[in-house]
Amino acid sequence: MNLKINVQLKTRFSDLTVLTCNVKGIKVETQNVELEKFKDEITEKVREKYDLDSVKNLSTFRAYRGFFWRVGIDPTKNRPAAEALIRRILGGRTIPHINTLVDAYNLASVKTEIALAAFDANKLKGDLFMRFAEEGEKFLGIGMEKPMLLQGGEIVVSDSEKLVAIYPYRDADITKITEKTKNVTLLVCGVPGIGEETLQNAAQVALEYITRFCDGEGKI
């Protein structure tokens, strides 16, 4: 499955790059002992590598925060995904436990500092499109009790029928990863200032972690 970026969006953000990965034949479990051990290893490395001051000044996170401001998202209230996970670890908490696939790509996000999103590919229709939202569109994100009405101008990802994400920080409930998921489409979420080589590396790490703990075969 491919992602197409709207011309208006590409004109405004000419250096915006997003990669897609498809992983087929995965096995999602509630928990995996080896994954939990690996999570502890990553957590320890984060605490050795970062502190709150260094996180604040990382060029990767500065790029995400700058993009958030430009599209009307306050990054102090909705932090970029990888930054939020690293800050959580530095604050003495553990990485959230969802299921083995979500946990695996969250670890890849922590490792690479790049935001990732994953969708149940069997619940997607046609190709994915990134565009500006229209006023009044409805979006039901994971964990939301009722849909929110978009103001228009937000950057969204849709398939041929529905919205699947507000880019690059919130995914839709309807396409979330569950233990019934067999095939996954992964977005490696770039923003201006983050090059394709960095995104390619994040994609490789994500595929490595996902196939290591959830089996399957992946392709960028």
N, C-alpha and C. Protein backbone atom coordinates (compact mmCIF):
# COMPACT_ATOMS: atom_id res chain seq x y z
N MET A 1 0.84 -1.19 0.00
CA MET A 1 0.00 0.00 0.00
C MET A 1 0.88 1.24 0.00
N ASN A 2 0.50 2.21 -0.85
CA ASN A 2 1.30 3.42 -1.00
C ASN A 2 0.62 4.61 -0.35
N LEU A 3 1.40 5.67 -0.11
CA LEU A 3 0.88 6.92 0.41
C LEU A 3 1.10 8.01 -0.63
N LYS A 4 0.02 8.73 -0.93
CA LYS A 4 0.11 9.85 -1.86
C LYS A 4 -0.09 11.15 -1.10
N ILE A 5 0.79 12.12 -1.33
CA ILE A 5 0.71 13.40 -0.64
C ILE A 5 0.05 14.42 -1.57
N ASN A 6 -0.98 15.07 -1.05
CA ASN A 6 -1.72 16.08 -1.80
C ASN A 6 -0.79 17.18 -2.31
N VAL A 7 -1.07 17.68 -3.51
CA VAL A 7 -0.22 18.69 -4.14
C VAL A 7 -0.13 19.95 -3.29
N GLN A 8 -1.25 20.41 -2.73
CA GLN A 8 -1.23 21.61 -1.90
C GLN A 8 -0.34 21.42 -0.67
N LEU A 9 -0.42 20.23 -0.08
CA LEU A 9 0.40 19.94 1.09
C LEU A 9 1.87 19.88 0.71
N LYS A 10 2.16 19.27 -0.41
CA LYS A 10 3.55 19.15 -0.86
C LYS A 10 4.11 20.51 -1.24
N THR A 11 3.26 21.38 -1.76
CA THR A 11 3.70 22.74 -2.11
C THR A 11 4.09 23.52 -0.85
N ARG A 12 3.30 23.37 0.20
CA ARG A 12 3.59 24.10 1.44
C ARG A 12 4.79 23.52 2.15
N PHE A 13 4.92 22.19 2.14
CA PHE A 13 6.03 21.52 2.82
C PHE A 13 6.80 20.70 1.78
N SER A 14 7.61 21.37 1.00
CA SER A 14 8.26 20.72 -0.14
C SER A 14 9.21 19.60 0.26
N ASP A 15 9.77 19.68 1.46
CA ASP A 15 10.72 18.64 1.89
C ASP A 15 10.10 17.66 2.87
N LEU A 16 8.77 17.54 2.84
CA LEU A 16 8.09 16.56 3.68
C LEU A 16 8.19 15.18 3.05
N THR A 17 8.77 14.24 3.78
CA THR A 17 8.93 12.86 3.30
C THR A 17 8.31 11.90 4.29
N VAL A 18 7.55 10.96 3.78
CA VAL A 18 6.93 9.93 4.60
C VAL A 18 7.16 8.58 3.93
N LEU A 19 7.57 7.59 4.68
CA LEU A 19 7.77 6.25 4.13
C LEU A 19 6.66 5.33 4.59
N THR A 20 6.33 4.35 3.77
CA THR A 20 5.38 3.31 4.16
C THR A 20 6.08 1.96 4.16
N CYS A 21 5.71 1.13 5.11
CA CYS A 21 6.19 -0.25 5.17
C CYS A 21 4.98 -1.16 5.30
N ASN A 22 5.05 -2.29 4.66
CA ASN A 22 3.98 -3.27 4.76
C ASN A 22 4.54 -4.56 5.35
N VAL A 23 3.88 -5.05 6.37
CA VAL A 23 4.32 -6.28 7.04
C VAL A 23 3.17 -7.28 6.99
N LYS A 24 3.44 -8.44 6.42
CA LYS A 24 2.40 -9.45 6.24
C LYS A 24 2.67 -10.66 7.12
N GLY A 25 1.59 -11.30 7.56
CA GLY A 25 1.71 -12.56 8.29
C GLY A 25 2.21 -12.42 9.71
N ILE A 26 1.84 -11.34 10.38
CA ILE A 26 2.30 -11.14 11.74
C ILE A 26 1.44 -11.91 12.74
N LYS A 27 1.97 -12.06 13.92
CA LYS A 27 1.24 -12.66 15.04
C LYS A 27 1.33 -11.70 16.22
N VAL A 28 0.19 -11.12 16.57
CA VAL A 28 0.16 -10.14 17.66
C VAL A 28 -0.32 -10.84 18.93
N GLU A 29 0.44 -10.67 20.00
CA GLU A 29 0.10 -11.26 21.29
C GLU A 29 -0.11 -10.17 22.34
N THR A 30 -0.72 -10.56 23.43
CA THR A 30 -0.90 -9.61 24.53
C THR A 30 0.44 -9.22 25.11
N GLN A 31 1.31 -10.21 25.29
CA GLN A 31 2.60 -9.96 25.92
C GLN A 31 3.59 -11.02 25.49
N ASN A 32 4.87 -10.67 25.56
CA ASN A 32 5.94 -11.59 25.19
C ASN A 32 7.10 -11.37 26.17
N VAL A 33 7.55 -12.44 26.79
CA VAL A 33 8.58 -12.33 27.82
C VAL A 33 9.87 -11.73 27.27
N GLU A 34 10.29 -12.17 26.10
CA GLU A 34 11.52 -11.65 25.51
C GLU A 34 11.39 -10.18 25.15
N LEU A 35 10.22 -9.79 24.69
CA LEU A 35 9.98 -8.38 24.39
C LEU A 35 10.06 -7.53 25.65
N GLU A 36 9.53 -8.03 26.76
CA GLU A 36 9.59 -7.28 28.03
C GLU A 36 11.04 -7.11 28.49
N LYS A 37 11.86 -8.13 28.29
CA LYS A 37 13.28 -8.03 28.64
C LYS A 37 13.96 -6.98 27.75
N PHE A 38 13.61 -7.00 26.46
CA PHE A 38 14.19 -6.04 25.53
C PHE A 38 13.74 -4.63 25.87
N LYS A 39 12.51 -4.49 26.31
CA LYS A 39 11.99 -3.19 26.72
C LYS A 39 12.81 -2.63 27.88
N ASP A 40 13.18 -3.51 28.82
CA ASP A 40 14.01 -3.08 29.95
C ASP A 40 15.39 -2.62 29.48
N GLU A 41 15.95 -3.32 28.48
CA GLU A 41 17.26 -2.94 27.95
C GLU A 41 17.19 -1.56 27.29
N ILE A 42 16.18 -1.34 26.49
CA ILE A 42 16.03 -0.05 25.82
C ILE A 42 15.82 1.06 26.84
N THR A 43 15.02 0.79 27.86
CA THR A 43 14.76 1.77 28.91
C THR A 43 16.05 2.18 29.60
N GLU A 44 16.90 1.22 29.92
CA GLU A 44 18.17 1.51 30.59
C GLU A 44 19.08 2.35 29.69
N LYS A 45 19.11 2.02 28.40
CA LYS A 45 19.95 2.78 27.48
C LYS A 45 19.47 4.21 27.33
N VAL A 46 18.15 4.40 27.35
CA VAL A 46 17.61 5.76 27.26
C VAL A 46 18.06 6.59 28.46
N ARG A 47 18.01 6.01 29.64
CA ARG A 47 18.39 6.74 30.85
C ARG A 47 19.89 7.04 30.88
N GLU A 48 20.68 6.22 30.18
CA GLU A 48 22.11 6.48 30.09
C GLU A 48 22.42 7.56 29.04
N LYS A 49 21.64 7.60 28.00
CA LYS A 49 21.93 8.46 26.86
C LYS A 49 21.37 9.87 27.00
N TYR A 50 20.17 10.00 27.60
CA TYR A 50 19.47 11.28 27.59
C TYR A 50 19.27 11.83 29.00
N ASP A 51 19.06 13.14 29.05
CA ASP A 51 18.45 13.77 30.21
C ASP A 51 17.46 14.79 29.66
N LEU A 52 16.69 15.43 30.52
CA LEU A 52 15.62 16.31 30.05
C LEU A 52 16.15 17.49 29.25
N ASP A 53 17.34 17.99 29.59
CA ASP A 53 17.91 19.10 28.84
C ASP A 53 18.34 18.66 27.44
N SER A 54 18.96 17.50 27.35
CA SER A 54 19.42 17.03 26.04
C SER A 54 18.24 16.71 25.13
N VAL A 55 17.17 16.16 25.68
CA VAL A 55 15.98 15.85 24.89
C VAL A 55 15.40 17.14 24.30
N LYS A 56 15.36 18.16 25.11
CA LYS A 56 14.78 19.44 24.68
C LYS A 56 15.52 20.01 23.48
N ASN A 57 16.83 19.75 23.40
CA ASN A 57 17.65 20.38 22.36
C ASN A 57 17.98 19.47 21.18
N LEU A 58 17.47 18.25 21.16
CA LEU A 58 17.75 17.35 20.06
C LEU A 58 17.18 17.91 18.75
N SER A 59 17.97 17.87 17.69
CA SER A 59 17.54 18.43 16.42
C SER A 59 16.30 17.71 15.88
N THR A 60 16.22 16.40 16.12
CA THR A 60 15.07 15.63 15.65
C THR A 60 13.78 16.16 16.26
N PHE A 61 13.78 16.32 17.57
CA PHE A 61 12.57 16.75 18.24
C PHE A 61 12.27 18.22 17.98
N ARG A 62 13.31 19.01 17.77
CA ARG A 62 13.09 20.41 17.41
C ARG A 62 12.39 20.50 16.06
N ALA A 63 12.75 19.59 15.14
CA ALA A 63 12.09 19.57 13.83
C ALA A 63 10.61 19.21 13.97
N TYR A 64 10.31 18.20 14.78
CA TYR A 64 8.91 17.83 14.99
C TYR A 64 8.14 18.97 15.66
N ARG A 65 8.72 19.57 16.68
CA ARG A 65 8.01 20.65 17.37
C ARG A 65 7.76 21.83 16.44
N GLY A 66 8.74 22.15 15.61
CA GLY A 66 8.57 23.23 14.65
C GLY A 66 7.44 22.95 13.68
N PHE A 67 7.35 21.71 13.23
CA PHE A 67 6.28 21.31 12.32
C PHE A 67 4.92 21.38 13.02
N PHE A 68 4.87 20.91 14.26
CA PHE A 68 3.63 20.97 15.02
C PHE A 68 3.11 22.41 15.11
N TRP A 69 3.99 23.34 15.46
CA TRP A 69 3.56 24.73 15.55
C TRP A 69 3.01 25.23 14.21
N ARG A 70 3.65 24.84 13.12
CA ARG A 70 3.24 25.32 11.79
C ARG A 70 1.87 24.80 11.38
N VAL A 71 1.47 23.66 11.92
CA VAL A 71 0.16 23.09 11.55
C VAL A 71 -0.86 23.25 12.66
N GLY A 72 -0.56 24.10 13.64
CA GLY A 72 -1.55 24.44 14.65
C GLY A 72 -1.67 23.49 15.82
N ILE A 73 -0.63 22.68 16.06
CA ILE A 73 -0.62 21.76 17.20
C ILE A 73 0.37 22.29 18.22
N ASP A 74 -0.04 22.41 19.46
CA ASP A 74 0.85 22.86 20.53
C ASP A 74 1.68 21.68 21.02
N PRO A 75 2.99 21.64 20.71
CA PRO A 75 3.81 20.48 21.08
C PRO A 75 4.10 20.38 22.57
N THR A 76 3.73 21.39 23.35
CA THR A 76 3.87 21.27 24.79
C THR A 76 2.68 20.53 25.39
N LYS A 77 1.57 20.45 24.63
CA LYS A 77 0.39 19.70 25.08
C LYS A 77 0.28 18.35 24.38
N ASN A 78 0.67 18.30 23.13
CA ASN A 78 0.70 17.05 22.36
C ASN A 78 2.12 16.87 21.85
N ARG A 79 2.94 16.25 22.67
CA ARG A 79 4.35 16.11 22.32
C ARG A 79 4.54 15.12 21.17
N PRO A 80 5.56 15.34 20.34
CA PRO A 80 5.91 14.34 19.34
C PRO A 80 6.11 12.97 20.00
N ALA A 81 5.67 11.93 19.29
CA ALA A 81 5.55 10.60 19.90
C ALA A 81 6.84 10.10 20.55
N ALA A 82 7.94 10.14 19.81
CA ALA A 82 9.19 9.61 20.35
C ALA A 82 9.66 10.44 21.54
N GLU A 83 9.51 11.74 21.45
CA GLU A 83 9.90 12.60 22.57
C GLU A 83 9.07 12.29 23.81
N ALA A 84 7.76 12.09 23.62
CA ALA A 84 6.89 11.78 24.75
C ALA A 84 7.29 10.47 25.42
N LEU A 85 7.66 9.47 24.61
CA LEU A 85 8.07 8.18 25.18
C LEU A 85 9.38 8.31 25.95
N ILE A 86 10.33 9.05 25.39
CA ILE A 86 11.63 9.22 26.06
C ILE A 86 11.46 10.02 27.34
N ARG A 87 10.66 11.07 27.30
CA ARG A 87 10.41 11.84 28.52
C ARG A 87 9.72 10.99 29.57
N ARG A 88 8.85 10.12 29.14
CA ARG A 88 8.17 9.22 30.08
C ARG A 88 9.19 8.33 30.80
N ILE A 89 10.14 7.79 30.04
CA ILE A 89 11.17 6.94 30.64
C ILE A 89 12.04 7.74 31.60
N LEU A 90 12.44 8.93 31.18
CA LEU A 90 13.28 9.77 32.04
C LEU A 90 12.55 10.19 33.30
N GLY A 91 11.22 10.21 33.24
CA GLY A 91 10.42 10.56 34.41
C GLY A 91 10.20 9.40 35.36
N GLY A 92 10.82 8.25 35.04
CA GLY A 92 10.73 7.10 35.94
C GLY A 92 9.60 6.14 35.65
N ARG A 93 8.88 6.39 34.57
CA ARG A 93 7.78 5.49 34.22
C ARG A 93 8.21 4.50 33.14
N THR A 94 7.40 3.51 32.92
CA THR A 94 7.70 2.50 31.91
C THR A 94 7.03 2.86 30.59
N ILE A 95 7.49 2.22 29.52
CA ILE A 95 6.85 2.39 28.22
C ILE A 95 5.47 1.75 28.28
N PRO A 96 4.43 2.42 27.79
CA PRO A 96 3.08 1.85 27.86
C PRO A 96 3.01 0.47 27.23
N HIS A 97 2.25 -0.42 27.85
CA HIS A 97 2.06 -1.75 27.30
C HIS A 97 0.71 -1.81 26.59
N ILE A 98 0.72 -2.10 25.30
CA ILE A 98 -0.51 -2.22 24.51
C ILE A 98 -0.66 -3.66 24.01
N ASN A 99 0.20 -4.04 23.10
CA ASN A 99 0.31 -5.43 22.63
C ASN A 99 1.70 -5.54 21.99
N THR A 100 2.07 -6.73 21.56
CA THR A 100 3.45 -6.93 21.14
C THR A 100 3.83 -6.10 19.91
N LEU A 101 2.92 -5.90 19.00
CA LEU A 101 3.28 -5.13 17.82
C LEU A 101 3.42 -3.64 18.13
N VAL A 102 2.44 -3.10 18.83
CA VAL A 102 2.52 -1.67 19.19
C VAL A 102 3.73 -1.42 20.08
N ASP A 103 3.98 -2.32 21.04
CA ASP A 103 5.14 -2.16 21.91
C ASP A 103 6.44 -2.21 21.11
N ALA A 104 6.50 -3.09 20.12
CA ALA A 104 7.72 -3.22 19.31
C ALA A 104 7.98 -1.96 18.51
N TYR A 105 6.96 -1.39 17.89
CA TYR A 105 7.25 -0.19 17.10
C TYR A 105 7.43 1.04 17.98
N ASN A 106 6.85 1.03 19.17
CA ASN A 106 7.16 2.11 20.13
C ASN A 106 8.63 2.08 20.52
N LEU A 107 9.18 0.88 20.71
CA LEU A 107 10.60 0.76 21.03
C LEU A 107 11.46 1.25 19.87
N ALA A 108 11.02 0.96 18.64
CA ALA A 108 11.75 1.46 17.47
C ALA A 108 11.70 2.98 17.42
N SER A 109 10.58 3.55 17.79
CA SER A 109 10.45 5.00 17.83
C SER A 109 11.40 5.60 18.87
N VAL A 110 11.47 4.98 20.03
CA VAL A 110 12.40 5.43 21.08
C VAL A 110 13.85 5.32 20.59
N LYS A 111 14.17 4.21 19.95
CA LYS A 111 15.54 3.96 19.49
C LYS A 111 15.98 4.97 18.44
N THR A 112 15.07 5.35 17.53
CA THR A 112 15.44 6.15 16.37
C THR A 112 15.03 7.62 16.48
N GLU A 113 14.19 7.95 17.48
CA GLU A 113 13.67 9.30 17.69
C GLU A 113 12.66 9.72 16.61
N ILE A 114 12.15 8.76 15.86
CA ILE A 114 11.23 9.04 14.75
C ILE A 114 9.82 8.54 15.09
N ALA A 115 8.83 9.36 14.78
CA ALA A 115 7.43 8.99 15.02
C ALA A 115 7.00 7.91 14.02
N LEU A 116 6.28 6.92 14.53
CA LEU A 116 5.77 5.83 13.70
C LEU A 116 4.28 5.67 13.95
N ALA A 117 3.57 5.22 12.93
CA ALA A 117 2.15 4.93 13.07
C ALA A 117 1.88 3.60 12.38
N ALA A 118 0.93 2.83 12.90
CA ALA A 118 0.63 1.52 12.31
C ALA A 118 -0.87 1.34 12.18
N PHE A 119 -1.27 0.74 11.08
CA PHE A 119 -2.68 0.48 10.81
C PHE A 119 -2.89 -0.98 10.44
N ASP A 120 -4.03 -1.52 10.84
CA ASP A 120 -4.43 -2.86 10.41
C ASP A 120 -4.72 -2.78 8.91
N ALA A 121 -3.85 -3.37 8.11
CA ALA A 121 -3.96 -3.23 6.65
C ALA A 121 -5.25 -3.82 6.10
N ASN A 122 -5.80 -4.83 6.77
CA ASN A 122 -7.03 -5.44 6.29
C ASN A 122 -8.25 -4.55 6.47
N LYS A 123 -8.08 -3.47 7.26
CA LYS A 123 -9.19 -2.53 7.48
C LYS A 123 -9.03 -1.26 6.65
N LEU A 124 -8.00 -1.22 5.82
CA LEU A 124 -7.79 -0.08 4.93
C LEU A 124 -8.39 -0.36 3.55
N LYS A 125 -8.87 0.69 2.90
CA LYS A 125 -9.47 0.57 1.57
C LYS A 125 -8.70 1.44 0.59
N GLY A 126 -8.08 0.80 -0.39
CA GLY A 126 -7.33 1.55 -1.39
C GLY A 126 -6.04 2.11 -0.85
N ASP A 127 -5.47 3.08 -1.55
CA ASP A 127 -4.22 3.72 -1.13
C ASP A 127 -4.49 4.73 -0.01
N LEU A 128 -3.41 5.17 0.63
CA LEU A 128 -3.50 6.20 1.65
C LEU A 128 -3.22 7.56 1.02
N PHE A 129 -3.90 8.59 1.54
CA PHE A 129 -3.74 9.95 1.05
C PHE A 129 -3.45 10.88 2.22
N MET A 130 -2.46 11.73 2.08
CA MET A 130 -2.18 12.76 3.08
C MET A 130 -2.62 14.10 2.50
N ARG A 131 -3.39 14.85 3.28
CA ARG A 131 -3.98 16.09 2.77
C ARG A 131 -4.35 16.99 3.94
N PHE A 132 -4.83 18.17 3.61
CA PHE A 132 -5.41 19.05 4.61
C PHE A 132 -6.85 18.63 4.88
N ALA A 133 -7.24 18.64 6.15
CA ALA A 133 -8.61 18.28 6.51
C ALA A 133 -9.58 19.36 6.04
N GLU A 134 -10.81 18.95 5.81
CA GLU A 134 -11.89 19.88 5.50
C GLU A 134 -12.66 20.18 6.77
N GLU A 135 -13.15 21.39 6.89
CA GLU A 135 -13.92 21.77 8.07
C GLU A 135 -15.14 20.86 8.24
N GLY A 136 -15.31 20.35 9.48
CA GLY A 136 -16.47 19.52 9.77
C GLY A 136 -16.24 18.03 9.62
N GLU A 137 -15.08 17.62 9.11
CA GLU A 137 -14.79 16.18 9.05
C GLU A 137 -14.72 15.63 10.46
N LYS A 138 -15.14 14.38 10.62
CA LYS A 138 -15.15 13.75 11.93
C LYS A 138 -13.99 12.76 12.03
N PHE A 139 -13.40 12.72 13.23
CA PHE A 139 -12.29 11.80 13.47
C PHE A 139 -12.42 11.19 14.85
N LEU A 140 -12.40 9.86 14.91
CA LEU A 140 -12.44 9.14 16.18
C LEU A 140 -11.08 8.50 16.40
N GLY A 141 -10.31 9.06 17.32
CA GLY A 141 -8.98 8.53 17.60
C GLY A 141 -9.01 7.43 18.64
N ILE A 142 -7.92 6.71 18.73
CA ILE A 142 -7.80 5.66 19.73
C ILE A 142 -7.97 6.26 21.13
N GLY A 143 -8.86 5.65 21.90
CA GLY A 143 -9.09 6.11 23.27
C GLY A 143 -10.11 7.22 23.40
N MET A 144 -10.64 7.72 22.28
CA MET A 144 -11.64 8.78 22.33
C MET A 144 -13.04 8.18 22.50
N GLU A 145 -13.86 8.82 23.32
CA GLU A 145 -15.22 8.34 23.54
C GLU A 145 -16.17 8.74 22.42
N LYS A 146 -15.91 9.87 21.80
CA LYS A 146 -16.77 10.31 20.69
C LYS A 146 -15.91 11.04 19.66
N PRO A 147 -16.38 11.09 18.42
CA PRO A 147 -15.58 11.74 17.37
C PRO A 147 -15.41 13.23 17.62
N MET A 148 -14.29 13.75 17.16
CA MET A 148 -14.05 15.19 17.21
C MET A 148 -14.32 15.78 15.83
N LEU A 149 -14.80 17.01 15.82
CA LEU A 149 -15.01 17.73 14.56
C LEU A 149 -13.75 18.51 14.23
N LEU A 150 -13.21 18.30 13.06
CA LEU A 150 -12.00 19.00 12.67
C LEU A 150 -12.34 20.40 12.18
N GLN A 151 -11.45 21.34 12.46
CA GLN A 151 -11.67 22.73 12.11
C GLN A 151 -11.36 23.02 10.64
N GLY A 152 -10.60 22.13 10.03
CA GLY A 152 -10.14 22.35 8.67
C GLY A 152 -8.72 22.87 8.69
N GLY A 153 -7.87 22.30 7.86
CA GLY A 153 -6.47 22.72 7.82
C GLY A 153 -5.54 21.78 8.54
N GLU A 154 -6.08 20.90 9.41
CA GLU A 154 -5.22 19.90 10.02
C GLU A 154 -4.68 18.96 8.93
N ILE A 155 -3.53 18.38 9.18
CA ILE A 155 -3.01 17.40 8.23
C ILE A 155 -3.53 16.03 8.63
N VAL A 156 -4.19 15.36 7.70
CA VAL A 156 -4.79 14.07 7.99
C VAL A 156 -4.33 13.04 6.96
N VAL A 157 -4.49 11.79 7.34
CA VAL A 157 -4.26 10.67 6.43
C VAL A 157 -5.59 9.93 6.30
N SER A 158 -5.97 9.63 5.08
CA SER A 158 -7.21 8.90 4.85
C SER A 158 -6.95 7.76 3.87
N ASP A 159 -7.85 6.78 3.88
CA ASP A 159 -7.88 5.84 2.77
C ASP A 159 -8.98 6.30 1.83
N SER A 160 -9.51 5.44 1.00
CA SER A 160 -10.51 5.88 0.03
C SER A 160 -11.87 6.12 0.67
N GLU A 161 -12.03 5.75 1.96
CA GLU A 161 -13.33 5.87 2.60
C GLU A 161 -13.35 6.72 3.87
N LYS A 162 -12.23 6.80 4.59
CA LYS A 162 -12.28 7.34 5.96
C LYS A 162 -10.94 7.91 6.39
N LEU A 163 -10.99 8.72 7.44
CA LEU A 163 -9.77 9.22 8.06
C LEU A 163 -9.15 8.13 8.92
N VAL A 164 -7.83 7.98 8.84
CA VAL A 164 -7.15 6.98 9.65
C VAL A 164 -6.11 7.59 10.60
N ALA A 165 -5.82 8.88 10.44
CA ALA A 165 -4.86 9.53 11.34
C ALA A 165 -4.92 11.03 11.20
N ILE A 166 -4.63 11.72 12.30
CA ILE A 166 -4.23 13.12 12.26
C ILE A 166 -2.71 13.10 12.35
N TYR A 167 -2.06 13.59 11.33
CA TYR A 167 -0.62 13.45 11.18
C TYR A 167 0.12 14.53 11.97
N PRO A 168 1.19 14.15 12.67
CA PRO A 168 1.73 12.79 12.82
C PRO A 168 1.58 12.28 14.25
N TYR A 169 0.43 12.50 14.88
CA TYR A 169 0.41 12.20 16.31
C TYR A 169 -0.80 11.42 16.82
N ARG A 170 -1.83 11.18 16.01
CA ARG A 170 -2.98 10.46 16.54
C ARG A 170 -3.56 9.55 15.46
N ASP A 171 -3.74 8.26 15.79
CA ASP A 171 -4.30 7.28 14.86
C ASP A 171 -5.76 7.01 15.17
N ALA A 172 -6.49 6.55 14.16
CA ALA A 172 -7.91 6.28 14.30
C ALA A 172 -8.17 4.95 15.00
N ASP A 173 -9.28 4.91 15.72
CA ASP A 173 -9.65 3.70 16.43
C ASP A 173 -9.99 2.56 15.48
N ILE A 174 -10.59 2.87 14.36
CA ILE A 174 -11.12 1.84 13.47
C ILE A 174 -10.03 0.97 12.85
N THR A 175 -8.82 1.50 12.71
CA THR A 175 -7.74 0.75 12.06
C THR A 175 -6.61 0.41 13.04
N LYS A 176 -6.89 0.48 14.33
CA LYS A 176 -5.84 0.21 15.33
C LYS A 176 -5.41 -1.26 15.30
N ILE A 177 -4.23 -1.50 15.81
CA ILE A 177 -3.67 -2.85 15.86
C ILE A 177 -4.25 -3.61 17.05
N THR A 178 -4.76 -4.81 16.79
CA THR A 178 -5.28 -5.69 17.84
C THR A 178 -4.65 -7.07 17.70
N GLU A 179 -5.01 -7.96 18.59
CA GLU A 179 -4.48 -9.32 18.52
C GLU A 179 -5.03 -10.09 17.32
N LYS A 180 -6.03 -9.55 16.65
CA LYS A 180 -6.58 -10.18 15.45
C LYS A 180 -5.88 -9.70 14.18
N THR A 181 -5.04 -8.69 14.30
CA THR A 181 -4.36 -8.11 13.14
C THR A 181 -3.37 -9.11 12.55
N LYS A 182 -3.41 -9.26 11.23
CA LYS A 182 -2.51 -10.17 10.53
C LYS A 182 -1.55 -9.45 9.58
N ASN A 183 -1.97 -8.30 9.10
CA ASN A 183 -1.16 -7.53 8.16
C ASN A 183 -1.17 -6.06 8.58
N VAL A 184 -0.01 -5.41 8.47
CA VAL A 184 0.14 -4.06 8.99
C VAL A 184 0.72 -3.14 7.92
N THR A 185 0.20 -1.92 7.88
CA THR A 185 0.83 -0.84 7.13
C THR A 185 1.40 0.15 8.14
N LEU A 186 2.69 0.40 8.02
CA LEU A 186 3.41 1.25 8.95
C LEU A 186 3.79 2.55 8.25
N LEU A 187 3.56 3.68 8.92
CA LEU A 187 4.03 4.97 8.43
C LEU A 187 5.25 5.40 9.21
N VAL A 188 6.29 5.78 8.50
CA VAL A 188 7.48 6.36 9.12
C VAL A 188 7.35 7.86 8.89
N CYS A 189 7.03 8.57 9.95
CA CYS A 189 6.52 9.95 9.85
C CYS A 189 7.63 10.99 9.83
N GLY A 190 7.92 11.49 8.67
CA GLY A 190 8.90 12.55 8.55
C GLY A 190 8.26 13.92 8.67
N VAL A 191 9.10 14.91 8.92
CA VAL A 191 8.71 16.32 8.90
C VAL A 191 9.86 17.08 8.26
N PRO A 192 9.62 18.32 7.81
CA PRO A 192 10.72 19.10 7.25
C PRO A 192 11.90 19.18 8.22
N GLY A 193 13.09 18.96 7.69
CA GLY A 193 14.28 18.98 8.52
C GLY A 193 14.80 17.60 8.89
N ILE A 194 14.02 16.57 8.58
CA ILE A 194 14.46 15.19 8.82
C ILE A 194 14.59 14.51 7.47
N GLY A 195 15.79 14.07 7.15
CA GLY A 195 16.07 13.53 5.83
C GLY A 195 15.60 12.11 5.62
N GLU A 196 15.56 11.71 4.36
CA GLU A 196 15.07 10.38 4.01
C GLU A 196 15.97 9.28 4.56
N GLU A 197 17.27 9.52 4.63
CA GLU A 197 18.18 8.49 5.17
C GLU A 197 17.82 8.17 6.62
N THR A 198 17.49 9.19 7.39
CA THR A 198 17.09 8.97 8.78
C THR A 198 15.80 8.17 8.85
N LEU A 199 14.87 8.46 7.96
CA LEU A 199 13.60 7.73 7.92
C LEU A 199 13.81 6.28 7.48
N GLN A 200 14.70 6.08 6.52
CA GLN A 200 15.01 4.72 6.07
C GLN A 200 15.57 3.89 7.22
N ASN A 201 16.45 4.50 8.00
CA ASN A 201 17.02 3.80 9.16
C ASN A 201 15.93 3.44 10.17
N ALA A 202 15.02 4.39 10.42
CA ALA A 202 13.93 4.12 11.35
C ALA A 202 13.04 3.00 10.84
N ALA A 203 12.81 2.98 9.54
CA ALA A 203 11.99 1.92 8.95
C ALA A 203 12.64 0.55 9.14
N GLN A 204 13.94 0.49 8.92
CA GLN A 204 14.66 -0.78 9.09
C GLN A 204 14.60 -1.27 10.53
N VAL A 205 14.80 -0.34 11.47
CA VAL A 205 14.74 -0.71 12.89
C VAL A 205 13.33 -1.19 13.25
N ALA A 206 12.32 -0.49 12.78
CA ALA A 206 10.95 -0.88 13.07
C ALA A 206 10.63 -2.27 12.53
N LEU A 207 11.04 -2.52 11.29
CA LEU A 207 10.79 -3.85 10.71
C LEU A 207 11.55 -4.93 11.46
N GLU A 208 12.77 -4.61 11.87
CA GLU A 208 13.57 -5.58 12.64
C GLU A 208 12.86 -5.95 13.94
N TYR A 209 12.40 -4.95 14.67
CA TYR A 209 11.75 -5.20 15.96
C TYR A 209 10.41 -5.92 15.78
N ILE A 210 9.64 -5.49 14.80
CA ILE A 210 8.32 -6.09 14.59
C ILE A 210 8.44 -7.56 14.20
N THR A 211 9.30 -7.86 13.22
CA THR A 211 9.43 -9.25 12.78
C THR A 211 10.12 -10.11 13.84
N ARG A 212 10.95 -9.50 14.66
CA ARG A 212 11.62 -10.24 15.73
C ARG A 212 10.62 -10.74 16.78
N PHE A 213 9.65 -9.92 17.10
CA PHE A 213 8.72 -10.27 18.17
C PHE A 213 7.31 -10.64 17.69
N CYS A 214 7.02 -10.38 16.41
CA CYS A 214 5.67 -10.68 15.90
C CYS A 214 5.71 -11.49 14.60
N ASP A 215 6.90 -11.96 14.22
CA ASP A 215 7.05 -12.72 12.98
C ASP A 215 6.67 -11.85 11.78
N GLY A 216 6.30 -12.47 10.70
CA GLY A 216 5.89 -11.75 9.50
C GLY A 216 7.06 -11.39 8.59
N GLU A 217 6.72 -10.86 7.42
CA GLU A 217 7.71 -10.40 6.44
C GLU A 217 7.39 -8.97 6.08
N GLY A 218 8.43 -8.11 6.13
CA GLY A 218 8.21 -6.70 5.91
C GLY A 218 8.94 -6.15 4.71
N LYS A 219 8.38 -5.07 4.13
CA LYS A 219 8.98 -4.43 2.97
C LYS A 219 8.74 -2.94 3.05
N ILE A 220 9.79 -2.14 2.78
CA ILE A 220 9.67 -0.69 2.76
C ILE A 220 9.16 -0.26 1.39
